[in-house]
Amino acid sequence: MGIATDIILLVVAAFFCGLLLQRLGQPLILGYIVAGIILGPHTGGLTVSDIHEIELLAEIGIALLLFALGLEFSLKDLKPVKMVALVGTPIQMALTVGLGFGIGHLMGLDWKASLWLGALVSLSSTMVILKTLMNQGWLGTLSSKVMIGMLIVQDLAVIPMMIILPQLNNPVVGLPALGFAALKAAGFITGMVLLGTRLLPRLMSHIARLGSRELFLLAITAIGLGVGYITHLAGLSFAFGAFVAGMVLSESDYGHQALSDIIPLRDIFGLLFFSSVGMLFDPGFLFGHIREVIMLVIIVCIGKGLIFAGVSRVFNY
């Protein structure tokens, strides 16, 4: 059965692992990750046949999660935290890149590898943080709005990073591409706000009048994934496009219904994402580099935590 068998194995394993972890008072996402470790290629025993296909489906899970987040947060909700997001996040990223660069130097990496490490450390997993906020019931609080605002800016910062970092030997070559990417991002956001706020509410109103719940679900899924795919074709983030589509759709009268309908689909595909993360875990590599891994985890957790706390404090949070 191929991919169908893989999905069945993951869903069943995630159910039992999630049930066990929840009984132990831990988040469900840890159960999903454990299921991925068990069925991954590095642990032996029962293994999924096509990890790459699962990773592709996991991309849909990320997009659906951010689409649902956009449905919960309108542009008005993010206005109060725009300063810490737009000004504080670049400061946080610059300081964290410096932290990662220093760690790389201590580990004996050259300056390019150290810079790559710093860039990776400066970013946060939007998927993990949002899922944690949901499980803790913190969505909608001021703290969550600050975090989400900073996450959005981090996601946008991935675009210049992907252009500049591969061009370290000749940074000048990447500057025209960077400027073009910035224009595309600005054009997309402007187009979505101007056209989306006019077209999407009319489209959803027409779909709702047809009285088909199934067609309504199909419409909102098509909007979220379709807009994400358009941004992907434009060279931008697939998940970011889905998030913007959700925010635009949240301004319509059907935002709450769209959110309630998309949640089950979001959770199933989200399960595939966290399971795919578990599949990356290699116990052999971990035990072979246990000292480096522990040192890296401790320094990053403490250092990055202090940086975020300091930036938040500067902006009076």
C-alpha atoms as a PDB file:
ATOM      1  CA  MET A   1       0.000   0.000   0.000  1.00  0.00           C
ATOM      2  CA  GLY A   2       3.050   2.289   0.156  1.00  0.00           C
ATOM      3  CA  ILE A   3       2.343   5.732   1.547  1.00  0.00           C
ATOM      4  CA  ALA A   4      -1.084   4.635   2.806  1.00  0.00           C
ATOM      5  CA  THR A   5       0.548   1.988   5.005  1.00  0.00           C
ATOM      6  CA  ASP A   6       3.069   4.545   6.313  1.00  0.00           C
ATOM      7  CA  ILE A   7       0.302   6.943   7.308  1.00  0.00           C
ATOM      8  CA  ILE A   8      -1.673   4.168   9.027  1.00  0.00           C
ATOM      9  CA  LEU A   9       1.410   3.087  11.000  1.00  0.00           C
ATOM     10  CA  LEU A  10       2.172   6.668  12.032  1.00  0.00           C
ATOM     11  CA  VAL A  11      -1.388   7.448  13.116  1.00  0.00           C
ATOM     12  CA  VAL A  12      -1.691   4.242  15.168  1.00  0.00           C
ATOM     13  CA  ALA A  13       1.758   4.651  16.752  1.00  0.00           C
ATOM     14  CA  ALA A  14       1.125   8.341  17.459  1.00  0.00           C
ATOM     15  CA  PHE A  15      -2.175   7.481  19.158  1.00  0.00           C
ATOM     16  CA  PHE A  16      -0.621   5.004  21.592  1.00  0.00           C
ATOM     17  CA  CYS A  17       2.489   7.134  22.213  1.00  0.00           C
ATOM     18  CA  GLY A  18       0.379  10.272  22.665  1.00  0.00           C
ATOM     19  CA  LEU A  19      -1.910   8.437  25.079  1.00  0.00           C
ATOM     20  CA  LEU A  20       1.069   7.226  27.117  1.00  0.00           C
ATOM     21  CA  LEU A  21       2.780  10.615  27.224  1.00  0.00           C
ATOM     22  CA  GLN A  22      -0.432  12.391  28.194  1.00  0.00           C
ATOM     23  CA  ARG A  23      -0.927   9.917  31.060  1.00  0.00           C
ATOM     24  CA  LEU A  24       2.570  10.905  32.182  1.00  0.00           C
ATOM     25  CA  GLY A  25       1.570  14.581  32.104  1.00  0.00           C
ATOM     26  CA  GLN A  26       3.557  15.437  28.974  1.00  0.00           C
ATOM     27  CA  PRO A  27       2.442  17.278  25.792  1.00  0.00           C
ATOM     28  CA  LEU A  28       0.939  15.240  22.968  1.00  0.00           C
ATOM     29  CA  ILE A  29       3.594  16.464  20.534  1.00  0.00           C
ATOM     30  CA  LEU A  30       6.222  14.482  22.455  1.00  0.00           C
ATOM     31  CA  GLY A  31       4.167  11.360  21.793  1.00  0.00           C
ATOM     32  CA  TYR A  32       4.076  12.191  18.083  1.00  0.00           C
ATOM     33  CA  ILE A  33       7.850  12.676  18.035  1.00  0.00           C
ATOM     34  CA  VAL A  34       8.382   9.366  19.877  1.00  0.00           C
ATOM     35  CA  ALA A  35       6.191   7.638  17.290  1.00  0.00           C
ATOM     36  CA  GLY A  36       8.430   9.068  14.561  1.00  0.00           C
ATOM     37  CA  ILE A  37      11.542   7.840  16.370  1.00  0.00           C
ATOM     38  CA  ILE A  38      10.100   4.332  16.703  1.00  0.00           C
ATOM     39  CA  LEU A  39       9.152   4.154  13.019  1.00  0.00           C
ATOM     40  CA  GLY A  40      12.202   6.067  11.779  1.00  0.00           C
ATOM     41  CA  PRO A  41      15.120   4.619   9.794  1.00  0.00           C
ATOM     42  CA  HIS A  42      17.671   4.837  12.620  1.00  0.00           C
ATOM     43  CA  THR A  43      16.027   2.659  15.279  1.00  0.00           C
ATOM     44  CA  GLY A  44      15.454  -0.647  13.468  1.00  0.00           C
ATOM     45  CA  GLY A  45      12.300  -2.756  13.642  1.00  0.00           C
ATOM     46  CA  LEU A  46       9.164  -1.534  11.897  1.00  0.00           C
ATOM     47  CA  THR A  47      10.050   1.377   9.594  1.00  0.00           C
ATOM     48  CA  VAL A  48       8.063   3.565   7.210  1.00  0.00           C
ATOM     49  CA  SER A  49       8.912   2.866   3.588  1.00  0.00           C
ATOM     50  CA  ASP A  50       9.079   6.417   2.203  1.00  0.00           C
ATOM     51  CA  ILE A  51      10.184   9.096   4.655  1.00  0.00           C
ATOM     52  CA  HIS A  52      10.417  11.732   1.930  1.00  0.00           C
ATOM     53  CA  GLU A  53       6.703  11.410   1.148  1.00  0.00           C
ATOM     54  CA  ILE A  54       5.878  11.860   4.853  1.00  0.00           C
ATOM     55  CA  GLU A  55       8.054  14.981   4.936  1.00  0.00           C
ATOM     56  CA  LEU A  56       6.138  16.413   1.975  1.00  0.00           C
ATOM     57  CA  LEU A  57       2.824  15.785   3.742  1.00  0.00           C
ATOM     58  CA  ALA A  58       4.313  17.387   6.854  1.00  0.00           C
ATOM     59  CA  GLU A  59       4.750  20.609   4.853  1.00  0.00           C
ATOM     60  CA  ILE A  60       0.965  20.660   4.439  1.00  0.00           C
ATOM     61  CA  GLY A  61       0.660  20.269   8.215  1.00  0.00           C
ATOM     62  CA  ILE A  62       2.813  23.347   8.778  1.00  0.00           C
ATOM     63  CA  ALA A  63       0.771  25.347   6.284  1.00  0.00           C
ATOM     64  CA  LEU A  64      -2.554  24.288   7.826  1.00  0.00           C
ATOM     65  CA  LEU A  65      -1.344  25.157  11.328  1.00  0.00           C
ATOM     66  CA  LEU A  66      -0.287  28.633  10.249  1.00  0.00           C
ATOM     67  CA  PHE A  67      -3.474  29.050   8.213  1.00  0.00           C
ATOM     68  CA  ALA A  68      -5.501  28.228  11.343  1.00  0.00           C
ATOM     69  CA  LEU A  69      -3.343  30.620  13.345  1.00  0.00           C
ATOM     70  CA  GLY A  70      -4.044  33.351  10.818  1.00  0.00           C
ATOM     71  CA  LEU A  71      -7.767  32.686  11.233  1.00  0.00           C
ATOM     72  CA  GLU A  72      -7.392  33.247  14.994  1.00  0.00           C
ATOM     73  CA  PHE A  73      -5.291  36.404  14.703  1.00  0.00           C
ATOM     74  CA  SER A  74      -6.290  39.412  12.695  1.00  0.00           C
ATOM     75  CA  LEU A  75      -3.937  42.207  11.708  1.00  0.00           C
ATOM     76  CA  LYS A  76      -5.491  44.305  14.482  1.00  0.00           C
ATOM     77  CA  ASP A  77      -4.322  41.789  17.095  1.00  0.00           C
ATOM     78  CA  LEU A  78      -0.706  42.174  16.015  1.00  0.00           C
ATOM     79  CA  LYS A  79      -0.630  45.986  15.915  1.00  0.00           C
ATOM     80  CA  PRO A  80       0.064  46.410  19.657  1.00  0.00           C
ATOM     81  CA  VAL A  81       3.229  44.285  19.386  1.00  0.00           C
ATOM     82  CA  LYS A  82       4.556  45.663  16.098  1.00  0.00           C
ATOM     83  CA  MET A  83       7.525  47.465  17.705  1.00  0.00           C
ATOM     84  CA  VAL A  84       8.916  44.447  19.521  1.00  0.00           C
ATOM     85  CA  ALA A  85       8.264  42.330  16.410  1.00  0.00           C
ATOM     86  CA  LEU A  86       9.730  44.670  13.792  1.00  0.00           C
ATOM     87  CA  VAL A  87      12.571  46.159  15.871  1.00  0.00           C
ATOM     88  CA  GLY A  88      13.131  43.635  18.649  1.00  0.00           C
ATOM     89  CA  THR A  89      13.286  40.541  16.425  1.00  0.00           C
ATOM     90  CA  PRO A  90      16.214  41.770  14.252  1.00  0.00           C
ATOM     91  CA  ILE A  91      18.071  42.639  17.476  1.00  0.00           C
ATOM     92  CA  GLN A  92      17.319  39.191  18.901  1.00  0.00           C
ATOM     93  CA  MET A  93      18.439  37.492  15.697  1.00  0.00           C
ATOM     94  CA  ALA A  94      21.675  39.470  15.478  1.00  0.00           C
ATOM     95  CA  LEU A  95      22.560  38.653  19.088  1.00  0.00           C
ATOM     96  CA  THR A  96      21.666  34.986  18.644  1.00  0.00           C
ATOM     97  CA  VAL A  97      23.699  34.731  15.436  1.00  0.00           C
ATOM     98  CA  GLY A  98      26.621  36.065  17.482  1.00  0.00           C
ATOM     99  CA  LEU A  99      25.943  33.449  20.151  1.00  0.00           C
ATOM    100  CA  GLY A 100      25.859  30.645  17.590  1.00  0.00           C
ATOM    101  CA  PHE A 101      28.983  31.971  15.893  1.00  0.00           C
ATOM    102  CA  GLY A 102      30.805  31.893  19.229  1.00  0.00           C
ATOM    103  CA  ILE A 103      29.615  28.337  19.902  1.00  0.00           C
ATOM    104  CA  GLY A 104      30.834  27.251  16.476  1.00  0.00           C
ATOM    105  CA  HIS A 105      34.227  28.815  17.141  1.00  0.00           C
ATOM    106  CA  LEU A 106      34.489  26.950  20.467  1.00  0.00           C
ATOM    107  CA  MET A 107      33.601  23.700  18.676  1.00  0.00           C
ATOM    108  CA  GLY A 108      36.417  24.235  16.185  1.00  0.00           C
ATOM    109  CA  LEU A 109      34.271  25.112  13.166  1.00  0.00           C
ATOM    110  CA  ASP A 110      35.514  27.556  10.532  1.00  0.00           C
ATOM    111  CA  TRP A 111      33.901  30.987  10.258  1.00  0.00           C
ATOM    112  CA  LYS A 112      31.455  30.000   7.501  1.00  0.00           C
ATOM    113  CA  ALA A 113      30.161  26.939   9.360  1.00  0.00           C
ATOM    114  CA  SER A 114      29.975  29.005  12.567  1.00  0.00           C
ATOM    115  CA  LEU A 115      27.921  31.647  10.773  1.00  0.00           C
ATOM    116  CA  TRP A 116      25.561  28.974   9.426  1.00  0.00           C
ATOM    117  CA  LEU A 117      25.179  27.587  12.955  1.00  0.00           C
ATOM    118  CA  GLY A 118      24.434  31.068  14.305  1.00  0.00           C
ATOM    119  CA  ALA A 119      21.810  31.654  11.608  1.00  0.00           C
ATOM    120  CA  LEU A 120      20.082  28.356  12.407  1.00  0.00           C
ATOM    121  CA  VAL A 121      20.147  29.018  16.159  1.00  0.00           C
ATOM    122  CA  SER A 122      18.652  32.498  15.659  1.00  0.00           C
ATOM    123  CA  LEU A 123      15.408  30.987  14.301  1.00  0.00           C
ATOM    124  CA  SER A 124      12.639  29.310  16.278  1.00  0.00           C
ATOM    125  CA  SER A 125      10.248  26.530  15.287  1.00  0.00           C
ATOM    126  CA  THR A 126       6.929  28.250  14.619  1.00  0.00           C
ATOM    127  CA  MET A 127       5.161  24.870  14.513  1.00  0.00           C
ATOM    128  CA  VAL A 128       6.464  23.689  17.905  1.00  0.00           C
ATOM    129  CA  ILE A 129       5.845  26.995  19.682  1.00  0.00           C
ATOM    130  CA  LEU A 130       2.312  27.381  18.347  1.00  0.00           C
ATOM    131  CA  LYS A 131       1.402  23.812  19.240  1.00  0.00           C
ATOM    132  CA  THR A 132       2.800  24.335  22.741  1.00  0.00           C
ATOM    133  CA  LEU A 133       0.847  27.576  23.160  1.00  0.00           C
ATOM    134  CA  MET A 134      -2.333  25.781  22.097  1.00  0.00           C
ATOM    135  CA  ASN A 135      -1.766  22.900  24.500  1.00  0.00           C
ATOM    136  CA  GLN A 136      -1.102  25.302  27.371  1.00  0.00           C
ATOM    137  CA  GLY A 137      -4.124  27.463  26.532  1.00  0.00           C
ATOM    138  CA  TRP A 138      -2.023  30.600  26.091  1.00  0.00           C
ATOM    139  CA  LEU A 139      -3.191  31.629  22.612  1.00  0.00           C
ATOM    140  CA  GLY A 140      -4.792  35.069  22.701  1.00  0.00           C
ATOM    141  CA  THR A 141      -2.703  36.315  25.642  1.00  0.00           C
ATOM    142  CA  LEU A 142      -0.349  39.276  25.323  1.00  0.00           C
ATOM    143  CA  SER A 143       2.640  36.947  25.706  1.00  0.00           C
ATOM    144  CA  SER A 144       1.486  34.800  22.804  1.00  0.00           C
ATOM    145  CA  LYS A 145       0.943  37.861  20.610  1.00  0.00           C
ATOM    146  CA  VAL A 146       4.503  39.010  21.291  1.00  0.00           C
ATOM    147  CA  MET A 147       5.839  35.547  20.432  1.00  0.00           C
ATOM    148  CA  ILE A 148       3.753  35.244  17.274  1.00  0.00           C
ATOM    149  CA  GLY A 149       4.771  38.713  16.108  1.00  0.00           C
ATOM    150  CA  MET A 150       8.434  37.783  16.524  1.00  0.00           C
ATOM    151  CA  LEU A 151       7.905  34.415  14.825  1.00  0.00           C
ATOM    152  CA  ILE A 152       6.389  36.100  11.770  1.00  0.00           C
ATOM    153  CA  VAL A 153       9.413  38.365  11.393  1.00  0.00           C
ATOM    154  CA  GLN A 154      11.738  35.370  11.852  1.00  0.00           C
ATOM    155  CA  ASP A 155       9.901  33.500   9.103  1.00  0.00           C
ATOM    156  CA  LEU A 156      10.325  36.484   6.803  1.00  0.00           C
ATOM    157  CA  ALA A 157      14.027  36.667   7.707  1.00  0.00           C
ATOM    158  CA  VAL A 158      14.516  33.147   6.360  1.00  0.00           C
ATOM    159  CA  ILE A 159      14.183  34.561   2.830  1.00  0.00           C
ATOM    160  CA  PRO A 160      17.274  36.834   2.952  1.00  0.00           C
ATOM    161  CA  MET A 161      19.183  34.151   4.871  1.00  0.00           C
ATOM    162  CA  MET A 162      18.543  31.590   2.115  1.00  0.00           C
ATOM    163  CA  ILE A 163      19.853  34.088  -0.433  1.00  0.00           C
ATOM    164  CA  ILE A 164      22.877  35.494   1.431  1.00  0.00           C
ATOM    165  CA  LEU A 165      24.342  32.451   3.246  1.00  0.00           C
ATOM    166  CA  PRO A 166      25.012  30.349   0.113  1.00  0.00           C
ATOM    167  CA  GLN A 167      26.786  33.397  -1.373  1.00  0.00           C
ATOM    168  CA  LEU A 168      29.306  33.913   1.452  1.00  0.00           C
ATOM    169  CA  ASN A 169      32.228  33.685  -0.967  1.00  0.00           C
ATOM    170  CA  ASN A 170      30.768  36.499  -3.061  1.00  0.00           C
ATOM    171  CA  PRO A 171      28.074  38.441  -1.103  1.00  0.00           C
ATOM    172  CA  VAL A 172      27.664  41.061  -3.850  1.00  0.00           C
ATOM    173  CA  VAL A 173      26.119  38.438  -6.151  1.00  0.00           C
ATOM    174  CA  GLY A 174      23.295  37.856  -3.680  1.00  0.00           C
ATOM    175  CA  LEU A 175      22.312  41.518  -3.259  1.00  0.00           C
ATOM    176  CA  PRO A 176      20.189  41.815  -6.458  1.00  0.00           C
ATOM    177  CA  ALA A 177      18.410  38.567  -5.579  1.00  0.00           C
ATOM    178  CA  LEU A 178      17.812  39.854  -2.060  1.00  0.00           C
ATOM    179  CA  GLY A 179      16.298  43.095  -3.342  1.00  0.00           C
ATOM    180  CA  PHE A 180      14.079  41.191  -5.767  1.00  0.00           C
ATOM    181  CA  ALA A 181      12.907  38.868  -2.975  1.00  0.00           C
ATOM    182  CA  ALA A 182      12.046  41.870  -0.785  1.00  0.00           C
ATOM    183  CA  LEU A 183       9.990  43.379  -3.600  1.00  0.00           C
ATOM    184  CA  LYS A 184       8.148  40.090  -4.128  1.00  0.00           C
ATOM    185  CA  ALA A 185       7.351  39.780  -0.419  1.00  0.00           C
ATOM    186  CA  ALA A 186       6.100  43.366  -0.217  1.00  0.00           C
ATOM    187  CA  GLY A 187       4.052  42.946  -3.393  1.00  0.00           C
ATOM    188  CA  PHE A 188       2.471  39.720  -2.151  1.00  0.00           C
ATOM    189  CA  ILE A 189       1.475  41.149   1.230  1.00  0.00           C
ATOM    190  CA  THR A 190       0.079  44.311  -0.364  1.00  0.00           C
ATOM    191  CA  GLY A 191      -1.866  42.305  -2.943  1.00  0.00           C
ATOM    192  CA  MET A 192      -3.315  39.976  -0.325  1.00  0.00           C
ATOM    193  CA  VAL A 193      -4.432  42.835   1.895  1.00  0.00           C
ATOM    194  CA  LEU A 194      -5.951  44.896  -0.925  1.00  0.00           C
ATOM    195  CA  LEU A 195      -7.450  42.144  -3.071  1.00  0.00           C
ATOM    196  CA  GLY A 196      -7.956  39.424  -0.476  1.00  0.00           C
ATOM    197  CA  THR A 197      -9.999  41.578   1.879  1.00  0.00           C
ATOM    198  CA  ARG A 198     -12.393  42.324  -0.995  1.00  0.00           C
ATOM    199  CA  LEU A 199     -12.512  39.048  -2.925  1.00  0.00           C
ATOM    200  CA  LEU A 200     -12.292  36.382  -0.215  1.00  0.00           C
ATOM    201  CA  PRO A 201     -15.281  37.593   1.881  1.00  0.00           C
ATOM    202  CA  ARG A 202     -17.462  37.679  -1.251  1.00  0.00           C
ATOM    203  CA  LEU A 203     -16.294  34.207  -2.272  1.00  0.00           C
ATOM    204  CA  MET A 204     -16.979  32.763   1.201  1.00  0.00           C
ATOM    205  CA  SER A 205     -20.391  34.431   1.323  1.00  0.00           C
ATOM    206  CA  HIS A 206     -21.288  32.793  -1.990  1.00  0.00           C
ATOM    207  CA  ILE A 207     -20.050  29.365  -0.808  1.00  0.00           C
ATOM    208  CA  ALA A 208     -21.940  29.663   2.492  1.00  0.00           C
ATOM    209  CA  ARG A 209     -25.214  30.437   0.684  1.00  0.00           C
ATOM    210  CA  LEU A 210     -24.949  27.113  -1.146  1.00  0.00           C
ATOM    211  CA  GLY A 211     -25.506  25.380   2.207  1.00  0.00           C
ATOM    212  CA  SER A 212     -22.898  22.620   1.743  1.00  0.00           C
ATOM    213  CA  ARG A 213     -20.604  22.128   4.760  1.00  0.00           C
ATOM    214  CA  GLU A 214     -18.364  19.835   2.718  1.00  0.00           C
ATOM    215  CA  LEU A 215     -17.944  22.446  -0.024  1.00  0.00           C
ATOM    216  CA  PHE A 216     -17.242  25.107   2.624  1.00  0.00           C
ATOM    217  CA  LEU A 217     -14.427  22.984   4.108  1.00  0.00           C
ATOM    218  CA  LEU A 218     -13.046  22.355   0.640  1.00  0.00           C
ATOM    219  CA  ALA A 219     -13.137  26.084  -0.128  1.00  0.00           C
ATOM    220  CA  ILE A 220     -11.211  27.182   2.969  1.00  0.00           C
ATOM    221  CA  THR A 221      -8.656  24.397   2.495  1.00  0.00           C
ATOM    222  CA  ALA A 222      -8.206  25.430  -1.137  1.00  0.00           C
ATOM    223  CA  ILE A 223      -7.730  29.063  -0.097  1.00  0.00           C
ATOM    224  CA  GLY A 224      -5.123  28.288   2.558  1.00  0.00           C
ATOM    225  CA  LEU A 225      -3.084  25.807   0.536  1.00  0.00           C
ATOM    226  CA  GLY A 226      -3.685  27.586  -2.779  1.00  0.00           C
ATOM    227  CA  VAL A 227      -2.360  30.925  -1.569  1.00  0.00           C
ATOM    228  CA  GLY A 228       0.550  29.110   0.063  1.00  0.00           C
ATOM    229  CA  TYR A 229       1.377  27.441  -3.238  1.00  0.00           C
ATOM    230  CA  ILE A 230       1.283  30.791  -5.047  1.00  0.00           C
ATOM    231  CA  THR A 231       3.816  32.209  -2.575  1.00  0.00           C
ATOM    232  CA  HIS A 232       5.956  29.097  -3.068  1.00  0.00           C
ATOM    233  CA  LEU A 233       5.955  29.686  -6.839  1.00  0.00           C
ATOM    234  CA  ALA A 234       7.004  33.287  -6.139  1.00  0.00           C
ATOM    235  CA  GLY A 235      10.005  32.058  -4.172  1.00  0.00           C
ATOM    236  CA  LEU A 236       8.549  32.822  -0.753  1.00  0.00           C
ATOM    237  CA  SER A 237       7.536  30.564   2.141  1.00  0.00           C
ATOM    238  CA  PHE A 238       4.633  28.186   1.489  1.00  0.00           C
ATOM    239  CA  ALA A 239       3.593  28.319   5.156  1.00  0.00           C
ATOM    240  CA  PHE A 240       3.854  32.111   5.304  1.00  0.00           C
ATOM    241  CA  GLY A 241       1.437  32.453   2.396  1.00  0.00           C
ATOM    242  CA  ALA A 242      -1.056  30.206   4.180  1.00  0.00           C
ATOM    243  CA  PHE A 243      -0.724  32.321   7.328  1.00  0.00           C
ATOM    244  CA  VAL A 244      -1.429  35.571   5.453  1.00  0.00           C
ATOM    245  CA  ALA A 245      -4.438  33.932   3.768  1.00  0.00           C
ATOM    246  CA  GLY A 246      -5.771  32.963   7.189  1.00  0.00           C
ATOM    247  CA  MET A 247      -5.343  36.492   8.549  1.00  0.00           C
ATOM    248  CA  VAL A 248      -7.152  37.992   5.568  1.00  0.00           C
ATOM    249  CA  LEU A 249      -9.967  35.438   5.833  1.00  0.00           C
ATOM    250  CA  SER A 250     -10.311  36.105   9.580  1.00  0.00           C
ATOM    251  CA  GLU A 251     -11.594  39.584   8.748  1.00  0.00           C
ATOM    252  CA  SER A 252     -14.660  38.094   7.052  1.00  0.00           C
ATOM    253  CA  ASP A 253     -17.894  37.019   8.749  1.00  0.00           C
ATOM    254  CA  TYR A 254     -16.978  33.368   8.231  1.00  0.00           C
ATOM    255  CA  GLY A 255     -13.602  33.366   9.993  1.00  0.00           C
ATOM    256  CA  HIS A 256     -14.822  31.537  13.117  1.00  0.00           C
ATOM    257  CA  GLN A 257     -16.653  28.868  11.129  1.00  0.00           C
ATOM    258  CA  ALA A 258     -13.617  28.376   8.905  1.00  0.00           C
ATOM    259  CA  LEU A 259     -11.422  27.910  11.986  1.00  0.00           C
ATOM    260  CA  SER A 260     -13.720  25.328  13.601  1.00  0.00           C
ATOM    261  CA  ASP A 261     -13.921  23.352  10.346  1.00  0.00           C
ATOM    262  CA  ILE A 262     -10.163  23.345   9.613  1.00  0.00           C
ATOM    263  CA  ILE A 263      -8.967  22.286  13.116  1.00  0.00           C
ATOM    264  CA  PRO A 264      -9.397  18.466  12.679  1.00  0.00           C
ATOM    265  CA  LEU A 265      -7.589  18.530   9.343  1.00  0.00           C
ATOM    266  CA  ARG A 266      -4.858  20.694  10.858  1.00  0.00           C
ATOM    267  CA  ASP A 267      -4.319  18.302  13.768  1.00  0.00           C
ATOM    268  CA  ILE A 268      -4.006  15.199  11.576  1.00  0.00           C
ATOM    269  CA  PHE A 269      -1.433  16.769   9.270  1.00  0.00           C
ATOM    270  CA  GLY A 270       0.296  18.323  12.294  1.00  0.00           C
ATOM    271  CA  LEU A 271       0.746  14.794  13.637  1.00  0.00           C
ATOM    272  CA  LEU A 272       2.642  13.909  10.452  1.00  0.00           C
ATOM    273  CA  PHE A 273       4.920  16.918  10.926  1.00  0.00           C
ATOM    274  CA  PHE A 274       5.976  16.029  14.462  1.00  0.00           C
ATOM    275  CA  SER A 275       6.380  12.377  13.504  1.00  0.00           C
ATOM    276  CA  SER A 276       8.656  13.407  10.629  1.00  0.00           C
ATOM    277  CA  VAL A 277      10.768  15.367  13.134  1.00  0.00           C
ATOM    278  CA  GLY A 278      11.151  12.193  15.207  1.00  0.00           C
ATOM    279  CA  MET A 279      12.302  10.289  12.121  1.00  0.00           C
ATOM    280  CA  LEU A 280      15.350  12.569  11.889  1.00  0.00           C
ATOM    281  CA  PHE A 281      16.589  11.388  15.288  1.00  0.00           C
ATOM    282  CA  ASP A 282      19.667   9.139  15.062  1.00  0.00           C
ATOM    283  CA  PRO A 283      20.539   7.523  18.433  1.00  0.00           C
ATOM    284  CA  GLY A 284      23.920   6.406  17.080  1.00  0.00           C
ATOM    285  CA  PHE A 285      24.947   9.956  16.231  1.00  0.00           C
ATOM    286  CA  LEU A 286      23.646  11.216  19.584  1.00  0.00           C
ATOM    287  CA  PHE A 287      25.678   8.748  21.655  1.00  0.00           C
ATOM    288  CA  GLY A 288      28.711   9.274  19.442  1.00  0.00           C
ATOM    289  CA  HIS A 289      28.617  13.044  20.031  1.00  0.00           C
ATOM    290  CA  ILE A 290      26.893  13.185  23.397  1.00  0.00           C
ATOM    291  CA  ARG A 291      29.235  15.773  24.931  1.00  0.00           C
ATOM    292  CA  GLU A 292      28.919  18.197  22.006  1.00  0.00           C
ATOM    293  CA  VAL A 293      25.135  17.781  21.858  1.00  0.00           C
ATOM    294  CA  ILE A 294      24.651  18.375  25.601  1.00  0.00           C
ATOM    295  CA  MET A 295      26.942  21.404  25.543  1.00  0.00           C
ATOM    296  CA  LEU A 296      25.150  22.852  22.518  1.00  0.00           C
ATOM    297  CA  VAL A 297      21.693  22.318  24.029  1.00  0.00           C
ATOM    298  CA  ILE A 298      22.629  23.892  27.384  1.00  0.00           C
ATOM    299  CA  ILE A 299      24.378  26.929  25.904  1.00  0.00           C
ATOM    300  CA  VAL A 300      21.659  27.580  23.305  1.00  0.00           C
ATOM    301  CA  CYS A 301      18.791  27.176  25.800  1.00  0.00           C
ATOM    302  CA  ILE A 302      20.342  29.463  28.399  1.00  0.00           C
ATOM    303  CA  GLY A 303      21.878  31.976  25.989  1.00  0.00           C
ATOM    304  CA  LYS A 304      18.895  32.259  23.678  1.00  0.00           C
ATOM    305  CA  GLY A 305      16.509  32.409  26.639  1.00  0.00           C
ATOM    306  CA  LEU A 306      18.462  35.307  28.148  1.00  0.00           C
ATOM    307  CA  ILE A 307      18.529  37.115  24.791  1.00  0.00           C
ATOM    308  CA  PHE A 308      14.754  36.821  24.345  1.00  0.00           C
ATOM    309  CA  ALA A 309      14.137  37.852  27.941  1.00  0.00           C
ATOM    310  CA  GLY A 310      16.444  40.852  27.560  1.00  0.00           C
ATOM    311  CA  VAL A 311      14.859  42.026  24.302  1.00  0.00           C
ATOM    312  CA  SER A 312      11.363  41.642  25.780  1.00  0.00           C
ATOM    313  CA  ARG A 313      12.430  43.616  28.843  1.00  0.00           C
ATOM    314  CA  VAL A 314      13.824  46.437  26.697  1.00  0.00           C
ATOM    315  CA  PHE A 315      10.374  46.789  25.119  1.00  0.00           C
ATOM    316  CA  ASN A 316       8.727  46.787  28.570  1.00  0.00           C
ATOM    317  CA  TYR A 317       7.283  43.259  28.487  1.00  0.00           C
END
